Amino acid sequence: MLPLDQYQGGLDDRLKVGTVYRAKGLDFQAVLSVQFISGVAAGTGVEQETRELRERQHLVAATRARDFLWWARVR
């Protein structure tokens, strides 16, 4: 396993792990994107905005995949 902040772009067989922000501008043959969903309904405008931001980040993560995408939602 290799953290994305240590990834230099070279080919290897290690699993790269990182955030959407670290993956920005990179692409990968396969991506696993996990979205954690709370059971709490958004109450305030700030909570709603935060939830929408996380949903957009999940979509951005999906665009990093060239060939395979595993899309997961965890409650």
N, C-alpha and C. Protein backbone atom coordinates (compact mmCIF):
# COMPACT_ATOMS: atom_id res chain seq x y z
N MET A 1 0.84 -1.16 0.00
CA MET A 1 0.00 0.00 0.00
C MET A 1 0.90 1.24 0.00
N LEU A 2 0.49 2.25 -0.77
CA LEU A 2 1.27 3.47 -0.89
C LEU A 2 0.35 4.68 -0.74
N PRO A 3 0.61 5.55 0.24
CA PRO A 3 -0.18 6.78 0.36
C PRO A 3 0.03 7.66 -0.87
N LEU A 4 -1.04 8.31 -1.33
CA LEU A 4 -0.93 9.15 -2.52
C LEU A 4 0.06 10.29 -2.35
N ASP A 5 0.25 10.76 -1.13
CA ASP A 5 1.21 11.86 -0.95
C ASP A 5 2.65 11.41 -1.16
N GLN A 6 2.88 10.09 -1.25
CA GLN A 6 4.22 9.56 -1.55
C GLN A 6 4.32 9.02 -2.98
N TYR A 7 3.24 9.04 -3.71
CA TYR A 7 3.19 8.50 -5.06
C TYR A 7 3.91 9.44 -6.03
N GLN A 8 4.85 8.90 -6.81
CA GLN A 8 5.63 9.69 -7.76
C GLN A 8 5.19 9.49 -9.20
N GLY A 9 4.16 8.68 -9.43
CA GLY A 9 3.65 8.48 -10.78
C GLY A 9 4.20 7.27 -11.50
N GLY A 10 5.10 6.56 -10.88
CA GLY A 10 5.69 5.38 -11.51
C GLY A 10 4.77 4.17 -11.46
N LEU A 11 5.01 3.24 -12.38
CA LEU A 11 4.22 2.01 -12.41
C LEU A 11 4.71 1.04 -11.35
N ASP A 12 3.79 0.49 -10.61
CA ASP A 12 4.08 -0.56 -9.65
C ASP A 12 2.77 -1.27 -9.30
N ASP A 13 2.85 -2.32 -8.52
CA ASP A 13 1.67 -3.11 -8.19
C ASP A 13 1.05 -2.73 -6.85
N ARG A 14 1.52 -1.66 -6.25
CA ARG A 14 1.00 -1.29 -4.94
C ARG A 14 -0.35 -0.57 -5.03
N LEU A 15 -1.16 -0.76 -4.03
CA LEU A 15 -2.44 -0.08 -3.89
C LEU A 15 -2.17 1.34 -3.43
N LYS A 16 -2.72 2.32 -4.15
CA LYS A 16 -2.55 3.73 -3.77
C LYS A 16 -3.78 4.14 -2.97
N VAL A 17 -3.56 4.80 -1.84
CA VAL A 17 -4.64 5.19 -0.95
C VAL A 17 -4.52 6.68 -0.66
N GLY A 18 -5.64 7.39 -0.81
CA GLY A 18 -5.61 8.81 -0.52
C GLY A 18 -6.97 9.44 -0.64
N THR A 19 -6.99 10.73 -0.47
CA THR A 19 -8.23 11.49 -0.54
C THR A 19 -8.50 11.96 -1.97
N VAL A 20 -9.69 12.47 -2.18
CA VAL A 20 -10.05 13.04 -3.48
C VAL A 20 -9.11 14.18 -3.81
N TYR A 21 -8.76 14.97 -2.82
CA TYR A 21 -7.86 16.11 -3.05
C TYR A 21 -6.48 15.66 -3.51
N ARG A 22 -5.97 14.57 -2.95
CA ARG A 22 -4.66 14.05 -3.36
C ARG A 22 -4.72 13.43 -4.75
N ALA A 23 -5.86 12.92 -5.14
CA ALA A 23 -6.00 12.26 -6.44
C ALA A 23 -6.28 13.24 -7.57
N LYS A 24 -6.53 14.48 -7.24
CA LYS A 24 -6.86 15.49 -8.25
C LYS A 24 -5.75 15.58 -9.31
N GLY A 25 -6.15 15.48 -10.56
CA GLY A 25 -5.21 15.56 -11.66
C GLY A 25 -4.58 14.23 -12.04
N LEU A 26 -4.85 13.18 -11.27
CA LEU A 26 -4.30 11.86 -11.54
C LEU A 26 -5.39 10.96 -12.10
N ASP A 27 -4.99 9.91 -12.80
CA ASP A 27 -5.96 8.89 -13.18
C ASP A 27 -5.35 7.53 -12.87
N PHE A 28 -6.25 6.56 -12.67
CA PHE A 28 -5.83 5.23 -12.26
C PHE A 28 -6.62 4.20 -13.06
N GLN A 29 -6.04 3.05 -13.26
CA GLN A 29 -6.73 1.99 -13.98
C GLN A 29 -8.02 1.61 -13.27
N ALA A 30 -7.98 1.50 -11.96
CA ALA A 30 -9.15 1.11 -11.17
C ALA A 30 -9.25 2.01 -9.94
N VAL A 31 -10.48 2.32 -9.56
CA VAL A 31 -10.73 3.17 -8.40
C VAL A 31 -11.84 2.56 -7.56
N LEU A 32 -11.64 2.55 -6.25
CA LEU A 32 -12.68 2.22 -5.29
C LEU A 32 -13.04 3.52 -4.59
N SER A 33 -14.27 3.96 -4.76
CA SER A 33 -14.72 5.19 -4.13
C SER A 33 -15.80 4.84 -3.11
N VAL A 34 -15.53 5.18 -1.84
CA VAL A 34 -16.45 4.85 -0.76
C VAL A 34 -17.06 6.13 -0.21
N GLN A 35 -18.38 6.15 -0.14
CA GLN A 35 -19.09 7.29 0.42
C GLN A 35 -19.74 6.83 1.73
N PHE A 36 -19.43 7.52 2.81
CA PHE A 36 -20.02 7.20 4.11
C PHE A 36 -21.25 8.07 4.32
N ILE A 37 -22.38 7.42 4.56
CA ILE A 37 -23.65 8.13 4.66
C ILE A 37 -24.16 8.02 6.09
N SER A 38 -24.46 9.16 6.68
CA SER A 38 -25.04 9.14 8.02
C SER A 38 -26.55 9.04 7.89
N GLY A 39 -27.17 8.48 8.89
CA GLY A 39 -28.62 8.32 8.89
C GLY A 39 -29.34 9.57 9.33
N VAL A 40 -28.59 10.62 9.65
CA VAL A 40 -29.18 11.86 10.14
C VAL A 40 -29.56 12.75 8.96
N ALA A 41 -30.79 13.20 8.96
CA ALA A 41 -31.25 14.12 7.92
C ALA A 41 -30.61 15.49 8.14
N ALA A 42 -30.27 16.16 7.05
CA ALA A 42 -29.66 17.49 7.15
C ALA A 42 -30.66 18.47 7.73
N GLY A 43 -30.25 19.19 8.74
CA GLY A 43 -31.15 20.14 9.39
C GLY A 43 -30.86 21.56 8.97
N THR A 44 -29.62 21.99 9.15
CA THR A 44 -29.27 23.37 8.84
C THR A 44 -28.75 23.50 7.42
N GLY A 45 -28.65 24.72 6.97
CA GLY A 45 -28.10 24.98 5.64
C GLY A 45 -26.66 24.53 5.53
N VAL A 46 -25.91 24.68 6.60
CA VAL A 46 -24.50 24.28 6.60
C VAL A 46 -24.40 22.76 6.46
N GLU A 47 -25.23 22.03 7.19
CA GLU A 47 -25.21 20.57 7.10
C GLU A 47 -25.59 20.10 5.70
N GLN A 48 -26.58 20.73 5.11
CA GLN A 48 -27.01 20.40 3.74
C GLN A 48 -25.88 20.67 2.76
N GLU A 49 -25.23 21.80 2.90
CA GLU A 49 -24.13 22.17 2.00
C GLU A 49 -22.96 21.19 2.14
N THR A 50 -22.65 20.80 3.37
CA THR A 50 -21.58 19.84 3.61
C THR A 50 -21.90 18.50 2.96
N ARG A 51 -23.13 18.03 3.10
CA ARG A 51 -23.53 16.77 2.49
C ARG A 51 -23.42 16.83 0.96
N GLU A 52 -23.87 17.93 0.37
CA GLU A 52 -23.80 18.09 -1.08
C GLU A 52 -22.34 18.14 -1.55
N LEU A 53 -21.46 18.78 -0.79
CA LEU A 53 -20.05 18.83 -1.14
C LEU A 53 -19.46 17.42 -1.15
N ARG A 54 -19.77 16.63 -0.14
CA ARG A 54 -19.26 15.25 -0.09
C ARG A 54 -19.79 14.41 -1.24
N GLU A 55 -21.03 14.63 -1.64
CA GLU A 55 -21.59 13.90 -2.79
C GLU A 55 -20.85 14.28 -4.06
N ARG A 56 -20.53 15.56 -4.24
CA ARG A 56 -19.78 16.00 -5.42
C ARG A 56 -18.37 15.41 -5.41
N GLN A 57 -17.74 15.35 -4.24
CA GLN A 57 -16.41 14.77 -4.13
C GLN A 57 -16.43 13.29 -4.51
N HIS A 58 -17.50 12.60 -4.16
CA HIS A 58 -17.64 11.18 -4.52
C HIS A 58 -17.69 11.05 -6.04
N LEU A 59 -18.39 11.95 -6.70
CA LEU A 59 -18.45 11.93 -8.17
C LEU A 59 -17.08 12.25 -8.78
N VAL A 60 -16.37 13.19 -8.22
CA VAL A 60 -15.03 13.54 -8.71
C VAL A 60 -14.10 12.34 -8.58
N ALA A 61 -14.18 11.64 -7.45
CA ALA A 61 -13.34 10.45 -7.26
C ALA A 61 -13.62 9.42 -8.35
N ALA A 62 -14.87 9.29 -8.74
CA ALA A 62 -15.24 8.32 -9.77
C ALA A 62 -14.61 8.65 -11.12
N THR A 63 -14.36 9.92 -11.38
CA THR A 63 -13.78 10.31 -12.67
C THR A 63 -12.29 10.00 -12.76
N ARG A 64 -11.67 9.58 -11.67
CA ARG A 64 -10.25 9.22 -11.67
C ARG A 64 -10.02 7.84 -12.28
N ALA A 65 -11.08 7.05 -12.48
CA ALA A 65 -10.95 5.68 -12.98
C ALA A 65 -10.91 5.65 -14.50
N ARG A 66 -9.93 4.92 -15.06
CA ARG A 66 -9.86 4.73 -16.51
C ARG A 66 -10.67 3.52 -16.96
N ASP A 67 -10.50 2.37 -16.28
CA ASP A 67 -11.08 1.12 -16.74
C ASP A 67 -12.14 0.55 -15.80
N PHE A 68 -11.91 0.65 -14.50
CA PHE A 68 -12.80 0.03 -13.53
C PHE A 68 -13.15 1.00 -12.42
N LEU A 69 -14.40 0.95 -12.00
CA LEU A 69 -14.85 1.77 -10.88
C LEU A 69 -15.70 0.91 -9.96
N TRP A 70 -15.33 0.87 -8.68
CA TRP A 70 -16.16 0.25 -7.67
C TRP A 70 -16.74 1.39 -6.85
N TRP A 71 -18.05 1.46 -6.79
CA TRP A 71 -18.77 2.54 -6.15
C TRP A 71 -19.43 1.97 -4.90
N ALA A 72 -19.09 2.49 -3.73
CA ALA A 72 -19.63 1.95 -2.48
C ALA A 72 -20.28 3.06 -1.66
N ARG A 73 -21.36 2.69 -1.01
CA ARG A 73 -22.03 3.59 -0.05
C ARG A 73 -22.18 2.81 1.24
N VAL A 74 -21.68 3.39 2.33
CA VAL A 74 -21.70 2.73 3.63
C VAL A 74 -22.53 3.57 4.58
N ARG A 75 -23.45 2.91 5.27
CA ARG A 75 -24.26 3.62 6.28
C ARG A 75 -23.71 3.35 7.66
